[in-house]
Protein backbone atom coordinates (compact mmCIF):
# COMPACT_ATOMS: atom_id res chain seq x y z
CA UNK A 1 -285.67 -80.27 97.75
CA UNK A 2 -284.51 -77.17 95.92
CA UNK A 3 -284.42 -76.82 92.19
CA UNK A 4 -281.06 -76.97 90.47
CA UNK A 5 -279.32 -73.61 90.59
CA UNK A 6 -276.68 -72.63 88.05
CA UNK A 7 -273.50 -70.73 88.92
CA UNK A 8 -272.42 -68.83 85.81
CA UNK A 9 -268.88 -69.34 84.50
CA UNK A 10 -266.21 -67.49 86.52
CA UNK A 11 -268.61 -66.49 89.31
CA UNK A 12 -269.61 -67.62 92.79
CA UNK A 13 -272.33 -67.69 95.42
CA UNK A 14 -272.91 -68.33 99.12
CA UNK A 15 -275.85 -69.83 101.01
CA UNK A 16 -276.96 -71.55 104.22
CA UNK A 17 -276.88 -75.36 104.42
CA UNK A 18 -278.71 -76.78 107.43
CA UNK A 19 -277.44 -79.75 109.42
CA UNK A 20 -278.64 -82.94 107.73
CA UNK A 21 -279.19 -81.35 104.33
CA UNK A 22 -277.31 -82.74 101.34
CA UNK A 23 -275.59 -80.46 98.85
CA UNK A 24 -275.19 -81.87 95.35
CA UNK A 25 -272.62 -80.08 93.17
CA UNK A 26 -272.68 -81.00 89.49
CA UNK A 27 -270.35 -80.41 86.55
CA UNK A 28 -273.02 -80.10 83.83
CA UNK A 29 -270.70 -79.83 80.83
CA UNK A 30 -267.53 -81.53 82.10
CA UNK A 31 -263.95 -80.44 82.81
CA UNK A 32 -264.93 -77.66 85.24
CA UNK A 33 -263.68 -77.06 88.79
CA UNK A 34 -265.78 -75.69 91.67
CA UNK A 35 -264.17 -74.23 94.81
CA UNK A 36 -266.09 -75.00 98.02
CA UNK A 37 -265.56 -73.39 101.43
CA UNK A 38 -267.62 -73.96 104.59
CA UNK A 39 -268.12 -72.06 107.84
CA UNK A 40 -270.10 -72.84 110.97
CA UNK A 41 -273.31 -70.80 110.80
CA UNK A 42 -273.08 -70.35 114.59
CA UNK A 43 -269.55 -68.91 114.54
CA UNK A 44 -267.88 -68.15 111.21
CA UNK A 45 -264.47 -68.32 112.87
CA UNK A 46 -264.94 -72.09 112.63
CA UNK A 47 -263.97 -72.89 109.06
CA UNK A 48 -263.14 -75.85 106.85
CA UNK A 49 -259.53 -77.02 107.27
CA UNK A 50 -257.50 -79.05 104.81
CA UNK A 51 -254.87 -79.81 107.46
CA UNK A 52 -257.35 -81.20 109.99
CA UNK A 53 -259.10 -83.13 107.23
CA UNK A 54 -255.91 -84.76 105.96
CA UNK A 55 -254.92 -85.58 109.53
CA UNK A 56 -258.18 -87.20 110.64
CA UNK A 57 -259.05 -88.87 107.33
CA UNK A 58 -255.43 -90.03 106.85
CA UNK A 59 -255.51 -89.36 103.10
CA UNK A 60 -255.29 -86.53 100.58
CA UNK A 61 -257.57 -88.46 98.18
CA UNK A 62 -260.98 -87.56 99.58
CA UNK A 63 -264.07 -89.28 98.20
CA UNK A 64 -267.20 -91.18 99.26
CA UNK A 65 -267.26 -91.89 103.00
CA UNK A 66 -264.68 -89.25 103.95
CA UNK A 67 -265.48 -86.25 106.11
CA UNK A 68 -264.30 -82.65 105.80
CA UNK A 69 -263.23 -81.22 109.16
CA UNK A 70 -263.09 -77.75 110.68
CA UNK A 71 -260.18 -75.89 112.27
CA UNK A 72 -261.80 -76.83 115.61
CA UNK A 73 -261.66 -80.56 114.82
CA UNK A 74 -265.39 -80.95 114.16
CA UNK A 75 -266.78 -82.74 111.10
CA UNK A 76 -268.50 -80.25 108.80
CA UNK A 77 -269.43 -82.29 105.73
CA UNK A 78 -269.51 -85.99 104.81
CA UNK A 79 -269.09 -87.06 101.19
CA UNK A 80 -272.02 -89.42 100.62
CA UNK A 81 -271.66 -89.92 96.86
CA UNK A 82 -268.93 -89.03 94.38
CA UNK A 83 -268.92 -89.98 90.69
CA UNK A 84 -265.46 -88.50 90.03
CA UNK A 85 -263.33 -89.48 93.03
CA UNK A 86 -260.63 -86.90 92.30
CA UNK A 87 -260.57 -83.50 94.00
CA UNK A 88 -257.92 -81.12 95.34
CA UNK A 89 -257.54 -79.78 98.87
CA UNK A 90 -253.97 -78.47 98.53
CA UNK A 91 -254.28 -75.28 96.49
CA UNK A 92 -255.74 -71.95 97.53
CA UNK A 93 -258.52 -70.25 95.53
CA UNK A 94 -257.23 -68.44 92.44
CA UNK A 95 -256.99 -64.65 92.79
CA UNK A 96 -255.77 -61.57 90.93
CA UNK A 97 -252.30 -62.44 92.24
CA UNK A 98 -252.65 -65.96 90.80
CA UNK A 99 -253.42 -64.54 87.37
CA UNK A 100 -250.53 -62.08 87.54
CA UNK A 101 -248.16 -64.90 88.58
CA UNK A 102 -249.21 -67.75 86.29
CA UNK A 103 -250.94 -65.98 83.37
CA UNK A 104 -249.05 -62.72 82.81
CA UNK A 105 -250.09 -62.64 79.14
CA UNK A 106 -253.83 -62.98 79.89
CA UNK A 107 -256.40 -60.58 81.34
CA UNK A 108 -256.41 -60.46 85.14
CA UNK A 109 -259.54 -61.83 86.82
CA UNK A 110 -260.55 -61.64 90.49
CA UNK A 111 -260.80 -65.44 90.42
CA UNK A 112 -262.46 -67.72 92.93
CA UNK A 113 -260.96 -65.76 95.81
CA UNK A 114 -262.59 -62.53 94.68
CA UNK A 115 -265.86 -64.28 93.87
CA UNK A 116 -265.93 -65.96 97.29
CA UNK A 117 -265.08 -62.70 99.06
CA UNK A 118 -267.99 -60.91 97.36
CA UNK A 119 -270.44 -63.75 98.01
CA UNK A 120 -269.44 -64.23 101.66
CA UNK A 121 -269.29 -60.55 102.63
CA UNK A 122 -273.04 -60.37 103.48
CA UNK A 123 -272.41 -63.11 106.08
CA UNK A 124 -269.71 -61.02 107.80
CA UNK A 125 -266.88 -63.15 106.35
CA UNK A 126 -263.89 -61.12 105.17
CA UNK A 127 -261.08 -61.92 102.75
CA UNK A 128 -258.65 -62.91 105.50
CA UNK A 129 -261.08 -65.62 106.62
CA UNK A 130 -261.15 -67.45 103.27
CA UNK A 131 -259.26 -70.75 103.71
CA UNK A 132 -257.86 -73.25 101.26
CA UNK A 133 -260.93 -74.45 99.38
CA UNK A 134 -262.02 -78.02 98.75
CA UNK A 135 -261.57 -77.82 94.98
CA UNK A 136 -264.22 -80.11 93.56
CA UNK A 137 -263.20 -82.04 90.43
CA UNK A 138 -259.75 -80.37 90.39
CA UNK A 139 -256.90 -82.59 89.18
CA UNK A 140 -253.62 -81.84 90.99
CA UNK A 141 -251.26 -84.83 90.84
CA UNK A 142 -248.28 -84.88 93.18
CA UNK A 143 -245.02 -86.49 92.02
CA UNK A 144 -244.20 -89.06 94.73
CA UNK A 145 -240.45 -88.74 94.19
CA UNK A 146 -240.02 -84.96 94.00
CA UNK A 147 -243.18 -83.58 95.61
CA UNK A 148 -243.73 -81.42 92.52
CA UNK A 149 -247.36 -80.63 91.75
CA UNK A 150 -249.12 -80.02 88.44
CA UNK A 151 -252.53 -78.62 87.61
CA UNK A 152 -254.15 -80.74 84.91
CA UNK A 153 -257.66 -80.60 83.40
CA UNK A 154 -260.32 -82.29 85.51
CA UNK A 155 -261.33 -85.85 84.63
CA UNK A 156 -264.98 -85.02 85.30
CA UNK A 157 -267.41 -85.50 82.44
CA UNK A 158 -270.75 -83.88 81.73
CA UNK A 159 -273.17 -84.74 84.52
CA UNK A 160 -270.61 -85.89 87.09
CA UNK A 161 -271.36 -84.82 90.66
CA UNK A 162 -270.51 -85.00 94.35
CA UNK A 163 -273.01 -85.08 97.22
CA UNK A 164 -272.05 -83.76 100.68
CA UNK A 165 -274.13 -84.02 103.85
CA UNK A 166 -273.93 -81.16 106.36
CA UNK A 167 -272.86 -82.29 109.84
CA UNK A 168 -273.66 -78.87 111.34
CA UNK A 169 -275.46 -75.71 110.24
CA UNK A 170 -273.17 -74.16 107.64
CA UNK A 171 -272.54 -71.21 105.40
CA UNK A 172 -271.22 -72.50 102.09
CA UNK A 173 -269.26 -70.57 99.47
CA UNK A 174 -269.23 -72.15 96.00
CA UNK A 175 -267.76 -71.12 92.66
CA UNK A 176 -267.38 -71.98 89.03
CA UNK A 177 -263.58 -71.69 88.86
CA UNK A 178 -261.91 -68.97 86.81
CA UNK A 179 -258.34 -70.26 86.34
CA UNK A 180 -257.21 -71.39 82.90
CA UNK A 181 -255.15 -74.45 83.83
CA UNK A 182 -257.68 -75.77 86.35
CA UNK A 183 -260.40 -76.07 83.71
CA UNK A 184 -258.48 -77.11 80.61
CA UNK A 185 -258.45 -73.56 79.24
CA UNK A 186 -262.21 -72.92 79.07
CA UNK A 187 -264.85 -71.78 81.54
CA UNK A 188 -268.21 -73.41 82.11
CA UNK A 189 -270.99 -73.29 84.70
CA UNK A 190 -271.48 -75.33 87.87
CA UNK A 191 -274.90 -76.53 89.05
CA UNK A 192 -275.99 -77.30 92.60
CA UNK A 193 -279.07 -78.38 94.51
CA UNK A 194 -279.98 -78.95 98.15
CA UNK A 195 -282.09 -81.84 99.46
């Protein structure tokens, strides 16, 4: 089992996760989103897919017992424990364009997209290969009548976590999200460990 590793606010990392290992991602202070992407370690063209996941799991509310699927219809991760039960798999990682669009009066940041691109580059994964992330703890309600979405602060509290078991050898990208609305206007760290 690895020690707990901290991802600093508004930054990201990437690492190998072997088949059978369990990744625990924690929100140590509460109200903080973490973007997660996954690639097959054997062929990084196989990548996590929100569309396949929604199709095979038959829900957009993914929590304990659900699997996250690849673009090749293979299970990549199984959620084995989840103390929050509310995550987003609709919205793309925030980027400089996101900040220019939604926060024109605030400093531009490279966001989760830029952080993931930098972290994944040593694995031969380029910007165009970054998919829609599984946005841990992110609160994006959808209006059933109009289809309109909102980005609200996460409901996660200090110490909440999710545990995901690898169903194949993976490369994982993981962030402490940088967008204002996603995190209730402040930026905090994300912790993770591997068992």
